[in-house]
Amino acid sequence: MCRNITVLRGLEPAATEQEIYAAALQYVRKVGGISGLSSTTKPAVDKAVAAIAAATTTLLAELPDRRVPPPSEPPLRRIAARDAEVQETP
């Protein structure tokens, strides 16, 4: 399994649509062996990402709550935190 896909279950606040989409895109790119999108691959990738994002949203809604939060934050949250930190620094 792709090590770059972050655990989304148990996040506080809950995973956003953007985080779910990013994880779905990582999965599709890894499984499809796609490093960049072209006009040939984009339609298939978009369709697969939408299906996987929908399935992931359903999965997260139906799984029971986690007892322990995931060990790391998704990349989008780490980037946002880093950007906020940079803006605060004089």
N, C-alpha and C. Protein backbone atom coordinates (compact mmCIF):
# COMPACT_ATOMS: atom_id res chain seq x y z
N MET A 1 0.84 -1.19 0.00
CA MET A 1 0.00 0.00 0.00
C MET A 1 0.88 1.24 0.00
N CYS A 2 0.37 2.27 -0.52
CA CYS A 2 1.13 3.52 -0.64
C CYS A 2 1.34 4.14 0.74
N ARG A 3 2.57 4.35 1.10
CA ARG A 3 2.86 4.93 2.42
C ARG A 3 2.47 6.39 2.50
N ASN A 4 2.29 7.06 1.37
CA ASN A 4 2.01 8.49 1.37
C ASN A 4 0.55 8.82 1.64
N ILE A 5 -0.32 7.83 1.66
CA ILE A 5 -1.72 8.09 1.93
C ILE A 5 -1.92 8.12 3.44
N THR A 6 -2.34 9.25 3.95
CA THR A 6 -2.49 9.45 5.38
C THR A 6 -3.81 8.90 5.89
N VAL A 7 -3.82 8.40 7.11
CA VAL A 7 -5.04 7.93 7.74
C VAL A 7 -5.98 9.12 7.94
N LEU A 8 -7.21 8.99 7.47
CA LEU A 8 -8.19 10.07 7.60
C LEU A 8 -9.22 9.80 8.69
N ARG A 9 -9.36 8.56 9.07
CA ARG A 9 -10.34 8.21 10.10
C ARG A 9 -9.86 8.69 11.47
N GLY A 10 -10.73 9.37 12.18
CA GLY A 10 -10.43 9.80 13.54
C GLY A 10 -9.83 11.19 13.65
N LEU A 11 -9.77 11.92 12.53
CA LEU A 11 -9.23 13.27 12.60
C LEU A 11 -10.20 14.20 13.31
N GLU A 12 -9.65 15.19 13.99
CA GLU A 12 -10.45 16.24 14.61
C GLU A 12 -9.94 17.57 14.11
N PRO A 13 -10.71 18.35 13.41
CA PRO A 13 -12.03 18.04 12.89
C PRO A 13 -11.95 16.95 11.81
N ALA A 14 -13.10 16.43 11.45
CA ALA A 14 -13.18 15.33 10.49
C ALA A 14 -12.51 15.69 9.17
N ALA A 15 -12.12 14.68 8.43
CA ALA A 15 -11.48 14.88 7.13
C ALA A 15 -12.37 15.71 6.21
N THR A 16 -11.75 16.63 5.50
CA THR A 16 -12.47 17.49 4.58
C THR A 16 -12.58 16.81 3.21
N GLU A 17 -13.43 17.37 2.36
CA GLU A 17 -13.54 16.86 0.99
C GLU A 17 -12.20 16.97 0.27
N GLN A 18 -11.48 18.04 0.51
CA GLN A 18 -10.16 18.23 -0.12
C GLN A 18 -9.18 17.14 0.32
N GLU A 19 -9.19 16.80 1.60
CA GLU A 19 -8.29 15.76 2.10
C GLU A 19 -8.65 14.40 1.53
N ILE A 20 -9.94 14.13 1.43
CA ILE A 20 -10.39 12.86 0.85
C ILE A 20 -10.02 12.80 -0.62
N TYR A 21 -10.22 13.90 -1.35
CA TYR A 21 -9.86 13.97 -2.76
C TYR A 21 -8.35 13.75 -2.94
N ALA A 22 -7.54 14.39 -2.11
CA ALA A 22 -6.08 14.25 -2.22
C ALA A 22 -5.66 12.80 -1.99
N ALA A 23 -6.25 12.13 -1.01
CA ALA A 23 -5.92 10.73 -0.75
C ALA A 23 -6.35 9.85 -1.93
N ALA A 24 -7.53 10.12 -2.49
CA ALA A 24 -8.02 9.36 -3.65
C ALA A 24 -7.09 9.56 -4.85
N LEU A 25 -6.65 10.78 -5.06
CA LEU A 25 -5.75 11.07 -6.17
C LEU A 25 -4.41 10.34 -5.98
N GLN A 26 -3.88 10.35 -4.77
CA GLN A 26 -2.63 9.63 -4.50
C GLN A 26 -2.78 8.15 -4.80
N TYR A 27 -3.91 7.58 -4.39
CA TYR A 27 -4.17 6.16 -4.62
C TYR A 27 -4.23 5.86 -6.12
N VAL A 28 -4.99 6.66 -6.87
CA VAL A 28 -5.14 6.44 -8.30
C VAL A 28 -3.80 6.59 -9.02
N ARG A 29 -3.05 7.60 -8.66
CA ARG A 29 -1.74 7.81 -9.29
C ARG A 29 -0.80 6.65 -9.00
N LYS A 30 -0.83 6.13 -7.78
CA LYS A 30 0.05 5.02 -7.41
C LYS A 30 -0.35 3.75 -8.15
N VAL A 31 -1.63 3.41 -8.10
CA VAL A 31 -2.10 2.18 -8.73
C VAL A 31 -1.96 2.25 -10.26
N GLY A 32 -2.23 3.42 -10.83
CA GLY A 32 -2.14 3.58 -12.27
C GLY A 32 -0.74 3.85 -12.79
N GLY A 33 0.20 4.06 -11.89
CA GLY A 33 1.57 4.35 -12.31
C GLY A 33 1.65 5.66 -13.07
N ILE A 34 0.87 6.65 -12.63
CA ILE A 34 0.78 7.93 -13.32
C ILE A 34 1.49 8.99 -12.50
N SER A 35 2.52 9.61 -13.10
CA SER A 35 3.21 10.66 -12.37
C SER A 35 2.68 12.04 -12.74
N GLY A 36 2.10 12.16 -13.93
CA GLY A 36 1.54 13.44 -14.36
C GLY A 36 0.33 13.19 -15.24
N LEU A 37 -0.58 14.14 -15.26
CA LEU A 37 -1.79 13.98 -16.05
C LEU A 37 -1.58 14.54 -17.46
N SER A 38 -2.11 13.83 -18.42
CA SER A 38 -2.10 14.31 -19.79
C SER A 38 -3.54 14.33 -20.28
N SER A 39 -3.77 14.86 -21.45
CA SER A 39 -5.13 14.89 -21.99
C SER A 39 -5.65 13.47 -22.22
N THR A 40 -4.77 12.52 -22.38
CA THR A 40 -5.16 11.13 -22.58
C THR A 40 -5.57 10.46 -21.26
N THR A 41 -4.85 10.75 -20.18
CA THR A 41 -5.11 10.08 -18.91
C THR A 41 -6.10 10.82 -18.01
N LYS A 42 -6.26 12.13 -18.19
CA LYS A 42 -7.07 12.94 -17.28
C LYS A 42 -8.50 12.44 -17.12
N PRO A 43 -9.25 12.13 -18.20
CA PRO A 43 -10.64 11.69 -18.00
C PRO A 43 -10.75 10.42 -17.14
N ALA A 44 -9.90 9.45 -17.40
CA ALA A 44 -9.94 8.20 -16.63
C ALA A 44 -9.56 8.44 -15.17
N VAL A 45 -8.55 9.28 -14.96
CA VAL A 45 -8.11 9.59 -13.60
C VAL A 45 -9.21 10.35 -12.85
N ASP A 46 -9.79 11.34 -13.47
CA ASP A 46 -10.87 12.12 -12.83
C ASP A 46 -12.03 11.21 -12.42
N LYS A 47 -12.41 10.31 -13.30
CA LYS A 47 -13.52 9.39 -13.02
C LYS A 47 -13.18 8.46 -11.85
N ALA A 48 -11.97 7.92 -11.86
CA ALA A 48 -11.55 7.02 -10.79
C ALA A 48 -11.44 7.75 -9.46
N VAL A 49 -10.88 8.95 -9.47
CA VAL A 49 -10.73 9.73 -8.23
C VAL A 49 -12.11 10.04 -7.64
N ALA A 50 -13.05 10.42 -8.48
CA ALA A 50 -14.41 10.71 -7.99
C ALA A 50 -15.04 9.48 -7.36
N ALA A 51 -14.88 8.33 -7.98
CA ALA A 51 -15.45 7.09 -7.43
C ALA A 51 -14.79 6.71 -6.11
N ILE A 52 -13.48 6.83 -6.05
CA ILE A 52 -12.76 6.46 -4.82
C ILE A 52 -13.04 7.47 -3.71
N ALA A 53 -13.13 8.74 -4.04
CA ALA A 53 -13.46 9.75 -3.03
C ALA A 53 -14.86 9.50 -2.46
N ALA A 54 -15.81 9.14 -3.31
CA ALA A 54 -17.17 8.84 -2.84
C ALA A 54 -17.17 7.61 -1.94
N ALA A 55 -16.44 6.58 -2.35
CA ALA A 55 -16.36 5.37 -1.54
C ALA A 55 -15.68 5.65 -0.20
N THR A 56 -14.65 6.50 -0.22
CA THR A 56 -13.94 6.86 1.01
C THR A 56 -14.84 7.64 1.96
N THR A 57 -15.62 8.56 1.41
CA THR A 57 -16.55 9.34 2.24
C THR A 57 -17.56 8.41 2.91
N THR A 58 -18.09 7.46 2.15
CA THR A 58 -19.04 6.48 2.70
C THR A 58 -18.36 5.64 3.77
N LEU A 59 -17.17 5.17 3.49
CA LEU A 59 -16.43 4.34 4.44
C LEU A 59 -16.21 5.08 5.76
N LEU A 60 -15.72 6.30 5.68
CA LEU A 60 -15.45 7.06 6.90
C LEU A 60 -16.72 7.33 7.70
N ALA A 61 -17.84 7.53 7.01
CA ALA A 61 -19.11 7.78 7.70
C ALA A 61 -19.63 6.52 8.39
N GLU A 62 -19.33 5.36 7.84
CA GLU A 62 -19.89 4.12 8.38
C GLU A 62 -19.00 3.42 9.40
N LEU A 63 -17.72 3.75 9.43
CA LEU A 63 -16.83 3.12 10.41
C LEU A 63 -17.07 3.71 11.80
N PRO A 64 -16.88 2.90 12.85
CA PRO A 64 -17.01 3.45 14.20
C PRO A 64 -15.88 4.43 14.48
N ASP A 65 -16.09 5.28 15.48
CA ASP A 65 -15.07 6.24 15.87
C ASP A 65 -13.80 5.51 16.31
N ARG A 66 -12.67 6.16 16.09
CA ARG A 66 -11.40 5.61 16.56
C ARG A 66 -11.22 5.95 18.02
N ARG A 67 -10.57 5.07 18.74
CA ARG A 67 -10.28 5.35 20.15
C ARG A 67 -9.07 6.26 20.29
N VAL A 68 -8.17 6.15 19.33
CA VAL A 68 -6.93 6.93 19.35
C VAL A 68 -6.84 7.67 18.02
N PRO A 69 -6.54 8.97 18.04
CA PRO A 69 -6.41 9.69 16.77
C PRO A 69 -5.24 9.15 15.95
N PRO A 70 -5.26 9.39 14.64
CA PRO A 70 -4.15 8.92 13.82
C PRO A 70 -2.82 9.55 14.26
N PRO A 71 -1.72 8.86 13.99
CA PRO A 71 -0.41 9.34 14.46
C PRO A 71 0.11 10.59 13.76
N SER A 72 -0.41 10.90 12.58
CA SER A 72 0.06 12.09 11.88
C SER A 72 -1.09 12.79 11.20
N GLU A 73 -0.88 14.07 10.92
CA GLU A 73 -1.89 14.86 10.24
C GLU A 73 -1.74 14.70 8.73
N PRO A 74 -2.86 14.84 8.00
CA PRO A 74 -2.76 14.79 6.54
C PRO A 74 -1.89 15.92 6.01
N PRO A 75 -1.28 15.72 4.84
CA PRO A 75 -0.38 16.73 4.28
C PRO A 75 -1.01 18.11 4.14
N LEU A 76 -2.28 18.19 3.76
CA LEU A 76 -2.92 19.50 3.60
C LEU A 76 -2.95 20.26 4.92
N ARG A 77 -3.14 19.57 6.02
CA ARG A 77 -3.15 20.24 7.33
C ARG A 77 -1.74 20.66 7.74
N ARG A 78 -0.76 19.84 7.40
CA ARG A 78 0.63 20.20 7.74
C ARG A 78 1.05 21.43 6.95
N ILE A 79 0.67 21.50 5.68
CA ILE A 79 1.00 22.65 4.85
C ILE A 79 0.32 23.91 5.39
N ALA A 80 -0.97 23.80 5.75
CA ALA A 80 -1.70 24.95 6.28
C ALA A 80 -1.08 25.43 7.59
N ALA A 81 -0.69 24.50 8.45
CA ALA A 81 -0.08 24.88 9.73
C ALA A 81 1.26 25.56 9.50
N ARG A 82 2.05 25.04 8.55
CA ARG A 82 3.35 25.64 8.25
C ARG A 82 3.18 27.04 7.67
N ASP A 83 2.20 27.21 6.77
CA ASP A 83 1.93 28.53 6.18
C ASP A 83 1.49 29.53 7.23
N ALA A 84 0.63 29.09 8.17
CA ALA A 84 0.17 29.98 9.23
C ALA A 84 1.35 30.37 10.14
N GLU A 85 2.24 29.44 10.37
CA GLU A 85 3.40 29.70 11.21
C GLU A 85 4.31 30.73 10.55
N VAL A 86 4.51 30.61 9.24
CA VAL A 86 5.37 31.53 8.50
C VAL A 86 4.77 32.94 8.51
N GLN A 87 3.45 33.03 8.38
CA GLN A 87 2.78 34.34 8.38
C GLN A 87 2.88 35.02 9.73
N GLU A 88 2.91 34.25 10.80
CA GLU A 88 2.99 34.82 12.14
C GLU A 88 4.40 35.31 12.48
N THR A 89 5.40 34.75 11.83
CA THR A 89 6.78 35.13 12.11
C THR A 89 7.08 36.49 11.52
N PRO A 90 7.54 37.45 12.37
CA PRO A 90 7.83 38.81 11.88
C PRO A 90 9.04 38.87 10.99
